C-alpha atoms as a PDB file:
ATOM      1  CA  MET A   1      -0.007  -0.012  -0.005  1.00  0.00           C
ATOM      2  CA  PRO A   2       1.299   3.483  -0.802  1.00  0.00           C
ATOM      3  CA  THR A   3       2.280   6.102   1.752  1.00  0.00           C
ATOM      4  CA  TYR A   4       0.586   9.460   1.332  1.00  0.00           C
ATOM      5  CA  GLU A   5       1.764  12.807   2.716  1.00  0.00           C
ATOM      6  CA  TYR A   6      -0.739  15.275   4.138  1.00  0.00           C
ATOM      7  CA  GLU A   7      -0.504  18.860   5.402  1.00  0.00           C
ATOM      8  CA  CYS A   8      -2.983  20.735   7.579  1.00  0.00           C
ATOM      9  CA  GLN A   9      -4.118  23.996   5.990  1.00  0.00           C
ATOM     10  CA  THR A  10      -4.640  25.641   9.394  1.00  0.00           C
ATOM     11  CA  CYS A  11      -1.721  24.625  11.647  1.00  0.00           C
ATOM     12  CA  GLY A  12       0.743  23.415   8.991  1.00  0.00           C
ATOM     13  CA  HIS A  13       1.170  19.996  10.622  1.00  0.00           C
ATOM     14  CA  GLN A  14       2.657  17.518   8.124  1.00  0.00           C
ATOM     15  CA  PHE A  15       2.185  13.774   8.453  1.00  0.00           C
ATOM     16  CA  GLU A  16       2.259  10.552   6.458  1.00  0.00           C
ATOM     17  CA  THR A  17      -0.245   7.738   6.406  1.00  0.00           C
ATOM     18  CA  VAL A  18      -0.397   4.384   4.678  1.00  0.00           C
ATOM     19  CA  GLN A  19      -3.638   4.023   2.768  1.00  0.00           C
ATOM     20  CA  SER A  20      -5.031   1.876   0.038  1.00  0.00           C
ATOM     21  CA  MET A  21      -5.538   3.568  -3.294  1.00  0.00           C
ATOM     22  CA  LYS A  22      -9.238   2.843  -2.926  1.00  0.00           C
ATOM     23  CA  ASP A  23      -9.512   4.678   0.430  1.00  0.00           C
ATOM     24  CA  ALA A  24     -10.964   8.180   0.540  1.00  0.00           C
ATOM     25  CA  HIS A  25      -8.607  11.114   1.206  1.00  0.00           C
ATOM     26  CA  LEU A  26      -8.263  12.215   4.812  1.00  0.00           C
ATOM     27  CA  THR A  27     -10.082  15.450   5.572  1.00  0.00           C
ATOM     28  CA  ASP A  28      -9.364  16.323   9.224  1.00  0.00           C
ATOM     29  CA  CYS A  29      -6.126  17.211  11.015  1.00  0.00           C
ATOM     30  CA  PRO A  30      -5.060  14.529  13.546  1.00  0.00           C
ATOM     31  CA  ILE A  31      -3.931  17.196  16.083  1.00  0.00           C
ATOM     32  CA  GLU A  32      -6.444  17.630  18.909  1.00  0.00           C
ATOM     33  CA  ASN A  33      -8.450  20.868  18.856  1.00  0.00           C
ATOM     34  CA  CYS A  34      -7.318  21.704  15.306  1.00  0.00           C
ATOM     35  CA  PRO A  35     -10.369  22.139  13.080  1.00  0.00           C
ATOM     36  CA  GLY A  36      -8.280  22.550   9.954  1.00  0.00           C
ATOM     37  CA  PRO A  37      -8.764  20.585   6.777  1.00  0.00           C
ATOM     38  CA  VAL A  38      -5.843  18.616   5.403  1.00  0.00           C
ATOM     39  CA  HIS A  39      -4.529  18.607   1.874  1.00  0.00           C
ATOM     40  CA  ARG A  40      -2.832  15.589   0.322  1.00  0.00           C
ATOM     41  CA  LYS A  41       0.541  16.554  -1.090  1.00  0.00           C
ATOM     42  CA  ILE A  42       1.964  15.228  -4.323  1.00  0.00           C
ATOM     43  CA  GLY A  43       4.475  12.570  -3.379  1.00  0.00           C
ATOM     44  CA  ARG A  44       7.897  11.958  -4.852  1.00  0.00           C
ATOM     45  CA  GLY A  45       6.971   8.420  -5.713  1.00  0.00           C
ATOM     46  CA  ALA A  46       9.055   5.358  -5.166  1.00  0.00           C
ATOM     47  CA  GLY A  47      12.606   4.953  -6.312  1.00  0.00           C
ATOM     48  CA  ILE A  48      13.148   2.533  -9.155  1.00  0.00           C
ATOM     49  CA  ILE A  49      15.796  -0.110  -8.707  1.00  0.00           C
ATOM     50  CA  PHE A  50      16.777  -2.245 -11.673  1.00  0.00           C
ATOM     51  CA  LYS A  51      18.008  -5.603 -10.436  1.00  0.00           C
ATOM     52  CA  GLY A  52      18.967  -8.678 -12.328  1.00  0.00           C
ATOM     53  CA  SER A  53      19.665  -9.190 -15.973  1.00  0.00           C
ATOM     54  CA  GLY A  54      17.627  -7.592 -18.692  1.00  0.00           C
ATOM     55  CA  PHE A  55      17.934  -3.892 -17.976  1.00  0.00           C
ATOM     56  CA  TYR A  56      20.782  -3.016 -20.261  1.00  0.00           C
ATOM     57  CA  GLN A  57      21.186  -0.807 -23.285  1.00  0.00           C
ATOM     58  CA  THR A  58      21.682  -3.794 -25.566  1.00  0.00           C
ATOM     59  CA  ASP A  59      18.279  -5.273 -24.686  1.00  0.00           C
ATOM     60  CA  TYR A  60      16.518  -2.751 -26.872  1.00  0.00           C
ATOM     61  CA  ARG A  61      18.683  -3.051 -29.974  1.00  0.00           C
ATOM     62  CA  SER A  62      17.234  -3.582 -33.438  1.00  0.00           C
ATOM     63  CA  ASP A  63      16.799  -7.077 -34.841  1.00  0.00           C
ATOM     64  CA  SER A  64      19.544  -6.506 -37.423  1.00  0.00           C
ATOM     65  CA  TYR A  65      22.006  -5.512 -34.696  1.00  0.00           C
ATOM     66  CA  LYS A  66      21.135  -8.605 -32.645  1.00  0.00           C
ATOM     67  CA  ALA A  67      21.583 -10.854 -35.694  1.00  0.00           C
ATOM     68  CA  ALA A  68      24.997  -9.346 -36.473  1.00  0.00           C
ATOM     69  CA  ALA A  69      26.104  -9.694 -32.848  1.00  0.00           C
ATOM     70  CA  LYS A  70      24.957 -13.307 -32.780  1.00  0.00           C
ATOM     71  CA  LYS A  71      26.883 -13.999 -36.006  1.00  0.00           C
ATOM     72  CA  ASP A  72      30.030 -12.408 -34.544  1.00  0.00           C
ATOM     73  CA  SER A  73      29.800 -14.378 -31.321  1.00  0.00           C
ATOM     74  CA  GLU A  74      29.247 -17.655 -33.198  1.00  0.00           C
ATOM     75  CA  SER A  75      32.255 -17.084 -35.442  1.00  0.00           C
ATOM     76  CA  SER A  76      34.507 -16.265 -32.517  1.00  0.00           C
ATOM     77  CA  THR A  77      33.521 -19.442 -30.631  1.00  0.00           C
ATOM     78  CA  SER A  78      33.844 -21.723 -33.660  1.00  0.00           C
ATOM     79  CA  SER A  79      37.429 -20.669 -34.490  1.00  0.00           C
ATOM     80  CA  PRO A  80      40.132 -23.160 -33.458  1.00  0.00           C
ATOM     81  CA  PRO A  81      41.982 -22.434 -30.259  1.00  0.00           C
ATOM     82  CA  PRO A  82      45.477 -20.945 -30.532  1.00  0.00           C
ATOM     83  CA  PRO A  83      48.339 -23.488 -30.620  1.00  0.00           C
ATOM     84  CA  ALA A  84      49.564 -24.540 -27.225  1.00  0.00           C
ATOM     85  CA  ALA A  85      53.121 -23.748 -26.202  1.00  0.00           C
ATOM     86  CA  ALA A  86      55.597 -26.624 -26.097  1.00  0.00           C
ATOM     87  CA  PRO A  87      55.741 -28.219 -22.678  1.00  0.00           C
ATOM     88  CA  ALA A  88      58.622 -26.943 -20.585  1.00  0.00           C
ATOM     89  CA  ALA A  89      61.374 -29.354 -19.662  1.00  0.00           C
ATOM     90  CA  ALA A  90      60.913 -30.826 -16.240  1.00  0.00           C
ATOM     91  CA  PRO A  91      63.348 -29.327 -13.763  1.00  0.00           C
ATOM     92  CA  THR A  92      66.038 -31.699 -12.637  1.00  0.00           C
ATOM     93  CA  SER A  93      66.316 -32.195  -8.959  1.00  0.00           C
ATOM     94  CA  ALA A  94      69.651 -31.661  -7.307  1.00  0.00           C
ATOM     95  CA  PRO A  95      70.813 -34.309  -4.908  1.00  0.00           C
ATOM     96  CA  THR A  96      69.899 -33.395  -1.410  1.00  0.00           C
ATOM     97  CA  SER A  97      72.187 -33.678   1.515  1.00  0.00           C
ATOM     98  CA  THR A  98      71.152 -35.867   4.407  1.00  0.00           C
ATOM     99  CA  ALA A  99      73.759 -34.610   6.819  1.00  0.00           C
ATOM    100  CA  SER A 100      72.388 -33.699  10.172  1.00  0.00           C
ATOM    101  CA  SER A 101      73.630 -30.845  12.209  1.00  0.00           C
ATOM    102  CA  THR A 102      75.285 -31.555  15.509  1.00  0.00           C
ATOM    103  CA  LYS A 103      75.482 -29.331  18.464  1.00  0.00           C
ATOM    104  CA  ALA A 104      78.525 -29.070  20.670  1.00  0.00           C
ATOM    105  CA  VAL A 105      77.725 -29.785  24.241  1.00  0.00           C
END
């Protein structure tokens, strides 16, 4: 349900209320002993948040542009992969020493 903003014409009190669109406009100020009528203000509306895929510039392209883009993407995926580099020679391992260190006591 939308939130509506109201302002009292007599005392200037501003308030918000959540109402259904089918509900009648409020007419009386909610402040005690204020006989003033209220006026519904024009709201700013809700912010729009585009989430997910589908809200991009390319979604509204012409059919000819989409066909050309599809053709380009198909040709780039069907081309053979570049030749692989020759495998590097395996490094030779140097003999390791098994000498243990001794501590003078």
